[in-house]
Amino acid sequence: MHLLLRTRVAQPPRQVLAGFTRELFLALAPPFPRLNLLRFDGCLTGDQVEIELVAGPVRQRWTSLITDHGEQPDGTCFFVDEGQQLPGPLRYWRHRHLIEPAGTGSTITEDIEYRTASPLLDRLLYPVMWAQFAYRSPVYQRLFGRP
């Protein structure tokens, strides 16, 4: 299943990318499920992020590896995280973060591909996944400014 969300912000791409810190990661976490950040190396190739999702008594680990990062000739900055250890029911996770030039600011694009064991479950999870990532848009605009 593919999910794509875009948010316009006032700061240029390199400045936005520099703001992808541990603090931003925590600010982007939705209220449910609760998230415990166990490890945050950064957004460079080879870095790892490890979280624990907590929903009542249920705790699940999620570990992602940054598999690529860089800057494209047009000034777009990016990094890609891929799930290594995923919480159920996820079986596959690839999240491209694109920060594209847009006038004097940027467009942050969340380009997510995920799969479970069932295409039906993929579709049923779509509204939940969309809500989890749509939550980020006002956080980005608060921290990086409205265009």
C-alpha atoms as a PDB file:
ATOM      1  CA  MET A   1       0.000   0.000   0.000  1.00  0.00           C
ATOM      2  CA  HIS A   2       1.269   3.462  -0.848  1.00  0.00           C
ATOM      3  CA  LEU A   3       0.740   6.613   1.218  1.00  0.00           C
ATOM      4  CA  LEU A   4       1.826  10.081   0.115  1.00  0.00           C
ATOM      5  CA  LEU A   5       1.474  13.279   2.181  1.00  0.00           C
ATOM      6  CA  ARG A   6       2.933  16.731   1.489  1.00  0.00           C
ATOM      7  CA  THR A   7       3.443  19.741   3.762  1.00  0.00           C
ATOM      8  CA  ARG A   8       4.683  23.188   2.722  1.00  0.00           C
ATOM      9  CA  VAL A   9       7.054  24.951   5.126  1.00  0.00           C
ATOM     10  CA  ALA A  10       8.924  28.268   5.091  1.00  0.00           C
ATOM     11  CA  GLN A  11      12.526  27.073   5.513  1.00  0.00           C
ATOM     12  CA  PRO A  12      14.778  25.846   2.658  1.00  0.00           C
ATOM     13  CA  PRO A  13      15.542  22.114   2.256  1.00  0.00           C
ATOM     14  CA  ARG A  14      18.986  21.961   3.888  1.00  0.00           C
ATOM     15  CA  GLN A  15      17.738  23.853   6.930  1.00  0.00           C
ATOM     16  CA  VAL A  16      14.710  21.561   7.230  1.00  0.00           C
ATOM     17  CA  LEU A  17      16.878  18.445   6.892  1.00  0.00           C
ATOM     18  CA  ALA A  18      19.175  19.743   9.660  1.00  0.00           C
ATOM     19  CA  GLY A  19      16.054  19.968  11.850  1.00  0.00           C
ATOM     20  CA  PHE A  20      15.368  16.222  11.616  1.00  0.00           C
ATOM     21  CA  THR A  21      16.678  15.560  15.118  1.00  0.00           C
ATOM     22  CA  ARG A  22      15.743  13.363  18.042  1.00  0.00           C
ATOM     23  CA  GLU A  23      13.596  16.225  19.359  1.00  0.00           C
ATOM     24  CA  LEU A  24      11.687  16.504  16.076  1.00  0.00           C
ATOM     25  CA  PHE A  25      11.169  12.739  15.977  1.00  0.00           C
ATOM     26  CA  LEU A  26       9.576  12.885  19.430  1.00  0.00           C
ATOM     27  CA  ALA A  27       7.460  15.925  18.500  1.00  0.00           C
ATOM     28  CA  LEU A  28       6.123  14.056  15.439  1.00  0.00           C
ATOM     29  CA  ALA A  29       4.917  11.087  17.497  1.00  0.00           C
ATOM     30  CA  PRO A  30       1.115  10.905  17.579  1.00  0.00           C
ATOM     31  CA  PRO A  31      -0.620  10.523  20.952  1.00  0.00           C
ATOM     32  CA  PHE A  32      -1.547   6.877  20.270  1.00  0.00           C
ATOM     33  CA  PRO A  33       0.074   4.473  20.415  1.00  0.00           C
ATOM     34  CA  ARG A  34       2.536   5.871  22.912  1.00  0.00           C
ATOM     35  CA  LEU A  35       6.103   5.809  21.671  1.00  0.00           C
ATOM     36  CA  ASN A  36       9.281   5.196  23.649  1.00  0.00           C
ATOM     37  CA  LEU A  37      12.360   6.228  21.677  1.00  0.00           C
ATOM     38  CA  LEU A  38      15.089   3.713  22.452  1.00  0.00           C
ATOM     39  CA  ARG A  39      17.660   4.747  19.844  1.00  0.00           C
ATOM     40  CA  PHE A  40      18.014   7.603  17.368  1.00  0.00           C
ATOM     41  CA  ASP A  41      21.306   7.768  15.486  1.00  0.00           C
ATOM     42  CA  GLY A  42      20.203  10.363  12.925  1.00  0.00           C
ATOM     43  CA  CYS A  43      19.207  10.453   9.261  1.00  0.00           C
ATOM     44  CA  LEU A  44      22.386   9.351   7.483  1.00  0.00           C
ATOM     45  CA  THR A  45      22.892   6.060   5.654  1.00  0.00           C
ATOM     46  CA  GLY A  46      23.607   3.355   8.235  1.00  0.00           C
ATOM     47  CA  ASP A  47      21.903   5.165  11.120  1.00  0.00           C
ATOM     48  CA  GLN A  48      19.264   3.294  13.103  1.00  0.00           C
ATOM     49  CA  VAL A  49      16.079   4.314  14.847  1.00  0.00           C
ATOM     50  CA  GLU A  50      14.524   1.998  17.403  1.00  0.00           C
ATOM     51  CA  ILE A  51      11.212   2.599  19.121  1.00  0.00           C
ATOM     52  CA  GLU A  52       8.841   0.745  21.373  1.00  0.00           C
ATOM     53  CA  LEU A  53       5.137   1.201  20.682  1.00  0.00           C
ATOM     54  CA  VAL A  54       2.946   0.935  23.765  1.00  0.00           C
ATOM     55  CA  ALA A  55      -0.805   0.326  23.561  1.00  0.00           C
ATOM     56  CA  GLY A  56      -2.057  -0.584  27.024  1.00  0.00           C
ATOM     57  CA  PRO A  57      -0.200  -3.722  28.119  1.00  0.00           C
ATOM     58  CA  VAL A  58       1.036  -4.453  24.562  1.00  0.00           C
ATOM     59  CA  ARG A  59       4.593  -3.409  23.712  1.00  0.00           C
ATOM     60  CA  GLN A  60       6.112  -3.869  20.273  1.00  0.00           C
ATOM     61  CA  ARG A  61       9.536  -2.988  18.885  1.00  0.00           C
ATOM     62  CA  TRP A  62      10.100  -1.161  15.629  1.00  0.00           C
ATOM     63  CA  THR A  63      13.623  -0.835  14.281  1.00  0.00           C
ATOM     64  CA  SER A  64      14.392   1.054  11.075  1.00  0.00           C
ATOM     65  CA  LEU A  65      17.644   1.441   9.195  1.00  0.00           C
ATOM     66  CA  ILE A  66      18.465   4.546   7.157  1.00  0.00           C
ATOM     67  CA  THR A  67      19.343   2.938   3.825  1.00  0.00           C
ATOM     68  CA  ASP A  68      19.988   6.069   1.748  1.00  0.00           C
ATOM     69  CA  HIS A  69      20.366   9.827   2.086  1.00  0.00           C
ATOM     70  CA  GLY A  70      21.590  12.705   0.005  1.00  0.00           C
ATOM     71  CA  GLU A  71      20.846  15.768  -2.052  1.00  0.00           C
ATOM     72  CA  GLN A  72      19.629  15.699  -5.646  1.00  0.00           C
ATOM     73  CA  PRO A  73      20.827  18.189  -8.313  1.00  0.00           C
ATOM     74  CA  ASP A  74      17.593  20.215  -7.974  1.00  0.00           C
ATOM     75  CA  GLY A  75      18.306  20.809  -4.253  1.00  0.00           C
ATOM     76  CA  THR A  76      15.904  18.136  -2.957  1.00  0.00           C
ATOM     77  CA  CYS A  77      17.250  16.604   0.251  1.00  0.00           C
ATOM     78  CA  PHE A  78      16.149  13.105   1.201  1.00  0.00           C
ATOM     79  CA  PHE A  79      16.625  10.095   3.413  1.00  0.00           C
ATOM     80  CA  VAL A  80      15.025   6.665   3.366  1.00  0.00           C
ATOM     81  CA  ASP A  81      14.217   4.468   6.343  1.00  0.00           C
ATOM     82  CA  GLU A  82      13.374   0.792   5.942  1.00  0.00           C
ATOM     83  CA  GLY A  83      11.861  -1.407   8.611  1.00  0.00           C
ATOM     84  CA  GLN A  84      14.118  -4.113   9.987  1.00  0.00           C
ATOM     85  CA  GLN A  85      11.985  -5.264  12.912  1.00  0.00           C
ATOM     86  CA  LEU A  86       8.329  -4.300  12.559  1.00  0.00           C
ATOM     87  CA  PRO A  87       5.331  -4.386  14.865  1.00  0.00           C
ATOM     88  CA  GLY A  88       2.477  -6.646  13.861  1.00  0.00           C
ATOM     89  CA  PRO A  89       0.712  -6.684  11.507  1.00  0.00           C
ATOM     90  CA  LEU A  90       3.345  -4.925   9.352  1.00  0.00           C
ATOM     91  CA  ARG A  91       5.604  -7.082   7.194  1.00  0.00           C
ATOM     92  CA  TYR A  92       7.255  -4.406   5.033  1.00  0.00           C
ATOM     93  CA  TRP A  93       8.025  -0.707   5.559  1.00  0.00           C
ATOM     94  CA  ARG A  94       9.851   1.810   3.359  1.00  0.00           C
ATOM     95  CA  HIS A  95       9.571   5.534   4.116  1.00  0.00           C
ATOM     96  CA  ARG A  96      11.154   8.112   1.822  1.00  0.00           C
ATOM     97  CA  HIS A  97      11.451  11.597   3.296  1.00  0.00           C
ATOM     98  CA  LEU A  98      11.796  14.194   0.536  1.00  0.00           C
ATOM     99  CA  ILE A  99      12.427  17.866   1.232  1.00  0.00           C
ATOM    100  CA  GLU A 100      11.943  19.638  -2.080  1.00  0.00           C
ATOM    101  CA  PRO A 101      12.618  23.302  -2.850  1.00  0.00           C
ATOM    102  CA  ALA A 102       9.387  25.317  -3.148  1.00  0.00           C
ATOM    103  CA  GLY A 103       9.952  29.018  -3.694  1.00  0.00           C
ATOM    104  CA  THR A 104      11.899  30.300  -0.683  1.00  0.00           C
ATOM    105  CA  GLY A 105      10.707  27.335   1.406  1.00  0.00           C
ATOM    106  CA  SER A 106      10.242  23.601   1.008  1.00  0.00           C
ATOM    107  CA  THR A 107       7.714  20.860   0.550  1.00  0.00           C
ATOM    108  CA  ILE A 108       8.184  17.936   2.924  1.00  0.00           C
ATOM    109  CA  THR A 109       6.912  14.748   1.314  1.00  0.00           C
ATOM    110  CA  GLU A 110       6.210  11.593   3.298  1.00  0.00           C
ATOM    111  CA  ASP A 111       6.330   8.772   0.721  1.00  0.00           C
ATOM    112  CA  ILE A 112       5.467   5.536   2.500  1.00  0.00           C
ATOM    113  CA  GLU A 113       5.075   1.996   1.253  1.00  0.00           C
ATOM    114  CA  TYR A 114       3.863  -0.666   3.682  1.00  0.00           C
ATOM    115  CA  ARG A 115       2.509  -4.197   3.545  1.00  0.00           C
ATOM    116  CA  THR A 116       0.928  -6.679   5.879  1.00  0.00           C
ATOM    117  CA  ALA A 117       0.161 -10.349   5.153  1.00  0.00           C
ATOM    118  CA  SER A 118      -3.105  -9.356   3.475  1.00  0.00           C
ATOM    119  CA  PRO A 119      -4.022  -6.778   0.813  1.00  0.00           C
ATOM    120  CA  LEU A 120      -7.382  -6.392   2.569  1.00  0.00           C
ATOM    121  CA  LEU A 121      -5.657  -5.555   5.856  1.00  0.00           C
ATOM    122  CA  ASP A 122      -3.376  -3.134   3.967  1.00  0.00           C
ATOM    123  CA  ARG A 123      -6.478  -1.239   2.810  1.00  0.00           C
ATOM    124  CA  LEU A 124      -8.124  -1.380   6.245  1.00  0.00           C
ATOM    125  CA  LEU A 125      -4.988   0.114   7.839  1.00  0.00           C
ATOM    126  CA  TYR A 126      -4.781   2.955   5.312  1.00  0.00           C
ATOM    127  CA  PRO A 127      -6.976   5.455   7.244  1.00  0.00           C
ATOM    128  CA  VAL A 128      -5.024   4.755  10.447  1.00  0.00           C
ATOM    129  CA  MET A 129      -1.686   5.178   8.697  1.00  0.00           C
ATOM    130  CA  TRP A 130      -2.902   8.341   6.975  1.00  0.00           C
ATOM    131  CA  ALA A 131      -4.025   9.824  10.306  1.00  0.00           C
ATOM    132  CA  GLN A 132      -0.716   8.951  12.012  1.00  0.00           C
ATOM    133  CA  PHE A 133       1.241  10.843   9.342  1.00  0.00           C
ATOM    134  CA  ALA A 134      -1.233  13.674   8.715  1.00  0.00           C
ATOM    135  CA  TYR A 135      -0.646  14.487  12.409  1.00  0.00           C
ATOM    136  CA  ARG A 136       2.866  15.596  11.412  1.00  0.00           C
ATOM    137  CA  SER A 137       1.843  18.433   9.088  1.00  0.00           C
ATOM    138  CA  PRO A 138       1.028  21.067  11.752  1.00  0.00           C
ATOM    139  CA  VAL A 139       4.127  20.033  13.715  1.00  0.00           C
ATOM    140  CA  TYR A 140       6.314  20.628  10.660  1.00  0.00           C
ATOM    141  CA  GLN A 141       4.683  24.011  10.047  1.00  0.00           C
ATOM    142  CA  ARG A 142       5.045  25.039  13.681  1.00  0.00           C
ATOM    143  CA  LEU A 143       8.760  24.165  13.714  1.00  0.00           C
ATOM    144  CA  PHE A 144       9.772  25.157  10.169  1.00  0.00           C
ATOM    145  CA  GLY A 145       7.252  27.968   9.622  1.00  0.00           C
ATOM    146  CA  ARG A 146       4.229  28.393   7.422  1.00  0.00           C
ATOM    147  CA  PRO A 147       5.007  29.416   3.839  1.00  0.00           C
END
